[in-house]
Amino acid sequence: MALHFVTDDAGTAQPGDVVVLTGSEAHHAAAVRRVRVEEAVTLGDGRGVWLDGTVSAAGPKQVEVVVTARDERPAPSPRFVLVQALAKGDRDELAVQAATELGVDAIVPWQAVRSVSRWDAKAEKGIARWQTIVREAAKQAHRAWIPEVGGVARTADLVSLAQTALVLVLEPSASARLTAVATDPSDGRDVVLVVGPEGGIAPDELSALADAGARLVRLGDTVLRTSTAGAAALSVLSAAYGRW
């Protein structure tokens, strides 16, 4: 499979045009992935445009690609949204990376009651970090659409979200299994997966979400880490909605 790179310039490029990679993307292409002249590659803008091309020049500061074909891929519908509780260490980052590789369409960081990690004053830095992880994971997975990373949500925000989206809260004590949830690919509502922090979702939060219409579901008889639960649930949904 051809190597894939992302640049905003891909958005307007047409067959026959030359797209120039510069900065960190050029360094990644030339120094890390070691592309060579005449090598076939693909380019995208992260918003649906997909280009086939051939490398015409490769240097550490600039890589030139001649576009040979252009395609525009529609955004997935319905969208899969991961609400990922902030977690200590790199567990939430691992969750974000895996979810991106597995096809999530948007990610929302959640400041849950039991979140050990507290972004507060460093929210902007945290969101930027997740955006970088998402971008690199999307490139690795050769995705035409790079998932959005939203602002930090509070539980009240999730309660409001349950009014317009199908919200599925992963809770090991729930009686309903995720595999038993009725799926309707023609339903245009977002499908939102809510994953709690290391200590689980607090009872008051579970009650508030359930009262708002969210469905509490479990993946099985075991308890998964916050870093793996979202990825496992996305796999189930991808199969149920015909993405896989």
Protein backbone atom coordinates (compact mmCIF):
# COMPACT_ATOMS: atom_id res chain seq x y z
CA MET A 1 0.00 0.00 0.00
CA ALA A 2 1.29 3.47 -0.91
CA LEU A 3 2.44 5.77 1.88
CA HIS A 4 -0.08 8.46 2.85
CA PHE A 5 0.49 12.11 3.77
CA VAL A 6 -1.76 14.99 4.77
CA THR A 7 -1.67 18.59 3.58
CA ASP A 8 -4.28 21.33 3.25
CA ASP A 9 -3.08 21.93 -0.30
CA ALA A 10 -4.56 18.60 -1.33
CA GLY A 11 -8.02 20.13 -1.02
CA THR A 12 -7.85 22.08 -4.28
CA ALA A 13 -5.34 19.98 -6.25
CA GLN A 14 -6.35 18.38 -9.53
CA PRO A 15 -4.71 15.72 -11.72
CA GLY A 16 -1.58 17.17 -13.28
CA ASP A 17 -0.96 19.61 -10.42
CA VAL A 18 2.13 19.44 -8.22
CA VAL A 19 1.50 19.35 -4.48
CA VAL A 20 4.44 20.41 -2.33
CA LEU A 21 4.96 18.99 1.15
CA THR A 22 6.95 21.24 3.48
CA GLY A 23 7.81 21.48 7.17
CA SER A 24 7.19 18.46 9.39
CA GLU A 25 5.24 16.63 6.69
CA ALA A 26 8.16 16.86 4.26
CA HIS A 27 10.56 15.70 6.98
CA HIS A 28 8.27 12.78 7.79
CA ALA A 29 8.02 11.81 4.11
CA ALA A 30 11.70 12.17 3.19
CA ALA A 31 13.63 11.47 6.40
CA VAL A 32 11.32 9.09 8.27
CA ARG A 33 9.41 7.21 5.55
CA ARG A 34 12.22 7.72 3.02
CA VAL A 35 10.10 8.26 -0.08
CA ARG A 36 11.95 8.21 -3.37
CA VAL A 37 11.44 9.86 -6.76
CA GLU A 38 8.87 7.99 -8.89
CA GLU A 39 7.38 6.31 -5.82
CA ALA A 40 3.57 6.19 -5.73
CA VAL A 41 1.99 7.90 -2.70
CA THR A 42 -1.42 9.15 -1.64
CA LEU A 43 -2.33 12.56 -0.24
CA GLY A 44 -5.35 13.91 1.61
CA ASP A 45 -6.61 17.08 3.24
CA GLY A 46 -8.30 15.27 6.13
CA ARG A 47 -11.72 16.45 4.91
CA GLY A 48 -12.54 13.84 2.29
CA VAL A 49 -10.20 14.65 -0.60
CA TRP A 50 -8.04 11.71 -1.66
CA LEU A 51 -5.24 12.04 -4.22
CA ASP A 52 -3.06 9.49 -5.96
CA GLY A 53 0.32 10.79 -7.00
CA THR A 54 3.93 10.16 -7.85
CA VAL A 55 6.92 11.71 -6.11
CA SER A 56 8.83 13.97 -8.51
CA ALA A 57 11.33 15.44 -6.02
CA ALA A 58 12.28 14.44 -2.48
CA GLY A 59 14.36 16.48 -0.05
CA PRO A 60 14.36 16.88 3.75
CA LYS A 61 12.63 20.26 3.51
CA GLN A 62 10.44 19.79 0.45
CA VAL A 63 8.77 16.86 -1.27
CA GLU A 64 6.94 17.34 -4.57
CA VAL A 65 4.13 15.05 -5.70
CA VAL A 66 2.51 15.05 -9.16
CA VAL A 67 -1.20 14.31 -8.80
CA THR A 68 -2.44 11.49 -11.04
CA ALA A 69 -6.01 11.03 -9.73
CA ARG A 70 -8.49 12.75 -7.41
CA ASP A 71 -11.40 11.35 -5.43
CA GLU A 72 -13.75 12.95 -2.90
CA ARG A 73 -15.02 10.59 -0.24
CA PRO A 74 -18.17 11.42 1.73
CA ALA A 75 -18.09 11.72 5.50
CA PRO A 76 -19.41 8.62 7.29
CA SER A 77 -23.05 8.77 8.39
CA PRO A 78 -24.10 8.31 11.08
CA ARG A 79 -21.04 9.60 12.89
CA PHE A 80 -19.40 7.59 15.66
CA VAL A 81 -18.41 9.90 18.51
CA LEU A 82 -16.21 8.85 21.42
CA VAL A 83 -16.64 10.71 24.69
CA GLN A 84 -13.44 9.74 26.47
CA ALA A 85 -13.02 10.52 30.15
CA LEU A 86 -9.68 12.07 31.07
CA ALA A 87 -7.38 9.48 32.64
CA LYS A 88 -4.01 9.50 34.33
CA GLY A 89 -0.79 8.76 32.51
CA ASP A 90 -1.20 8.12 28.83
CA ARG A 91 -4.30 5.92 29.08
CA ASP A 92 -6.65 8.47 27.54
CA GLU A 93 -4.13 9.15 24.78
CA LEU A 94 -3.92 5.43 23.99
CA ALA A 95 -7.72 5.38 23.81
CA VAL A 96 -7.77 8.30 21.40
CA GLN A 97 -5.12 6.76 19.16
CA ALA A 98 -6.84 3.37 18.96
CA ALA A 99 -10.27 4.90 18.39
CA THR A 100 -8.95 6.96 15.49
CA GLU A 101 -7.36 3.94 13.85
CA LEU A 102 -10.64 2.03 14.27
CA GLY A 103 -12.80 4.66 12.59
CA VAL A 104 -14.20 7.10 15.16
CA ASP A 105 -15.43 10.33 13.56
CA ALA A 106 -15.21 12.73 16.49
CA ILE A 107 -13.70 12.69 19.98
CA VAL A 108 -14.79 14.64 23.03
CA PRO A 109 -12.64 14.83 26.17
CA TRP A 110 -14.77 14.43 29.28
CA GLN A 111 -13.92 15.83 32.71
CA ALA A 112 -15.74 13.14 34.70
CA VAL A 113 -16.20 13.31 38.47
CA ARG A 114 -13.75 10.47 39.01
CA SER A 115 -11.17 11.62 36.46
CA VAL A 116 -7.80 11.70 38.21
CA SER A 117 -6.42 13.89 35.45
CA ARG A 118 -7.73 17.46 35.60
CA TRP A 119 -7.10 19.66 32.59
CA ASP A 120 -8.74 22.87 33.86
CA ALA A 121 -6.18 25.60 33.07
CA LYS A 122 -4.31 23.35 30.61
CA ALA A 123 -7.34 22.39 28.50
CA GLU A 124 -6.03 24.14 25.39
CA LYS A 125 -2.74 22.27 25.60
CA GLY A 126 -4.52 18.97 26.19
CA ILE A 127 -6.84 19.41 23.21
CA ALA A 128 -3.88 20.30 20.99
CA ARG A 129 -2.09 17.15 22.14
CA TRP A 130 -5.11 14.98 21.30
CA GLN A 131 -5.43 16.67 17.90
CA THR A 132 -1.83 15.75 17.11
CA ILE A 133 -2.41 12.14 18.16
CA VAL A 134 -5.57 11.98 16.04
CA ARG A 135 -3.87 13.43 12.97
CA GLU A 136 -0.97 10.97 13.11
CA ALA A 137 -3.25 7.99 13.81
CA ALA A 138 -5.52 8.96 10.91
CA LYS A 139 -2.51 9.11 8.59
CA GLN A 140 -1.33 5.71 9.80
CA ALA A 141 -4.79 4.27 9.10
CA HIS A 142 -5.04 5.98 5.67
CA ARG A 143 -8.26 7.78 6.56
CA ALA A 144 -9.78 10.35 4.23
CA TRP A 145 -11.44 12.15 7.15
CA ILE A 146 -9.50 13.18 10.24
CA PRO A 147 -11.73 13.07 13.35
CA GLU A 148 -12.62 16.29 15.12
CA VAL A 149 -11.51 16.84 18.72
CA GLY A 150 -14.06 18.88 20.66
CA GLY A 151 -13.73 21.02 23.74
CA VAL A 152 -13.72 19.59 27.24
CA ALA A 153 -17.22 18.40 28.18
CA ARG A 154 -18.84 18.25 31.60
CA THR A 155 -21.52 15.75 32.53
CA ALA A 156 -24.21 18.38 31.93
CA ASP A 157 -23.02 18.61 28.31
CA LEU A 158 -23.47 14.87 27.87
CA VAL A 159 -26.97 15.06 29.34
CA SER A 160 -27.86 17.66 26.70
CA LEU A 161 -26.28 15.53 23.98
CA ALA A 162 -28.59 12.63 24.85
CA GLN A 163 -31.53 14.71 23.58
CA THR A 164 -30.31 14.59 19.97
CA ALA A 165 -27.98 11.59 19.70
CA LEU A 166 -27.99 7.88 20.46
CA VAL A 167 -25.82 7.89 23.58
CA LEU A 168 -24.42 4.55 24.72
CA VAL A 169 -22.70 4.58 28.10
CA LEU A 170 -20.26 1.73 28.67
CA GLU A 171 -20.98 0.44 32.17
CA PRO A 172 -19.88 -3.05 33.35
CA SER A 173 -22.89 -3.38 35.68
CA ALA A 174 -25.46 -2.67 32.94
CA SER A 175 -27.91 -5.47 32.13
CA ALA A 176 -28.04 -4.77 28.38
CA ARG A 177 -25.20 -5.87 26.12
CA LEU A 178 -23.87 -3.56 23.43
CA THR A 179 -24.33 -6.33 20.86
CA ALA A 180 -28.06 -6.36 21.64
CA VAL A 181 -28.63 -2.66 20.94
CA ALA A 182 -30.87 -2.16 17.93
CA THR A 183 -28.94 -0.44 15.13
CA ASP A 184 -30.38 1.53 12.23
CA PRO A 185 -27.79 2.77 9.70
CA SER A 186 -30.45 5.03 8.17
CA ASP A 187 -30.87 6.91 11.45
CA GLY A 188 -28.97 10.16 10.96
CA ARG A 189 -28.28 10.71 14.65
CA ASP A 190 -24.74 10.55 15.96
CA VAL A 191 -23.88 7.37 17.85
CA VAL A 192 -22.05 8.48 20.98
CA LEU A 193 -19.96 6.10 23.10
CA VAL A 194 -19.24 7.30 26.62
CA VAL A 195 -16.21 5.78 28.34
CA GLY A 196 -15.53 6.53 32.00
CA PRO A 197 -12.23 7.05 33.84
CA GLU A 198 -10.18 4.50 35.79
CA GLY A 199 -12.56 4.47 38.76
CA GLY A 200 -15.65 4.13 36.60
CA ILE A 201 -18.54 6.52 36.09
CA ALA A 202 -19.99 7.91 39.32
CA PRO A 203 -23.54 6.78 40.26
CA ASP A 204 -24.91 10.32 40.04
CA GLU A 205 -23.50 10.67 36.52
CA LEU A 206 -24.99 7.34 35.45
CA SER A 207 -28.39 8.36 36.80
CA ALA A 208 -28.30 11.75 35.08
CA LEU A 209 -27.37 10.20 31.74
CA ALA A 210 -29.97 7.43 32.00
CA ASP A 211 -32.69 9.93 32.96
CA ALA A 212 -31.79 11.97 29.86
CA GLY A 213 -32.32 8.99 27.58
CA ALA A 214 -28.82 7.52 27.33
CA ARG A 215 -28.58 3.73 27.28
CA LEU A 216 -26.29 1.92 29.70
CA VAL A 217 -24.62 -1.06 28.03
CA ARG A 218 -21.83 -3.51 28.73
CA LEU A 219 -19.38 -5.22 26.43
CA GLY A 220 -19.31 -8.54 28.22
CA ASP A 221 -18.58 -10.14 31.55
CA THR A 222 -15.15 -8.57 32.00
CA VAL A 223 -14.11 -5.03 32.93
CA LEU A 224 -11.92 -3.31 30.35
CA ARG A 225 -9.48 -0.47 30.94
CA THR A 226 -10.48 3.02 29.93
CA SER A 227 -7.76 2.80 27.27
CA THR A 228 -9.33 -0.22 25.54
CA ALA A 229 -13.09 -0.04 26.19
CA GLY A 230 -13.80 2.54 23.49
CA ALA A 231 -11.82 0.67 20.86
CA ALA A 232 -13.63 -2.58 21.65
CA ALA A 233 -17.03 -0.87 21.46
CA LEU A 234 -16.17 0.81 18.16
CA SER A 235 -15.34 -2.57 16.69
CA VAL A 236 -18.79 -3.85 17.66
CA LEU A 237 -20.51 -0.79 16.19
CA SER A 238 -18.48 -0.90 12.98
CA ALA A 239 -19.68 -4.45 12.36
CA ALA A 240 -23.29 -3.67 13.33
CA TYR A 241 -23.49 -0.62 11.08
CA GLY A 242 -21.87 -2.33 8.11
CA ARG A 243 -18.63 -0.38 8.11
CA TRP A 244 -16.64 -3.59 8.44
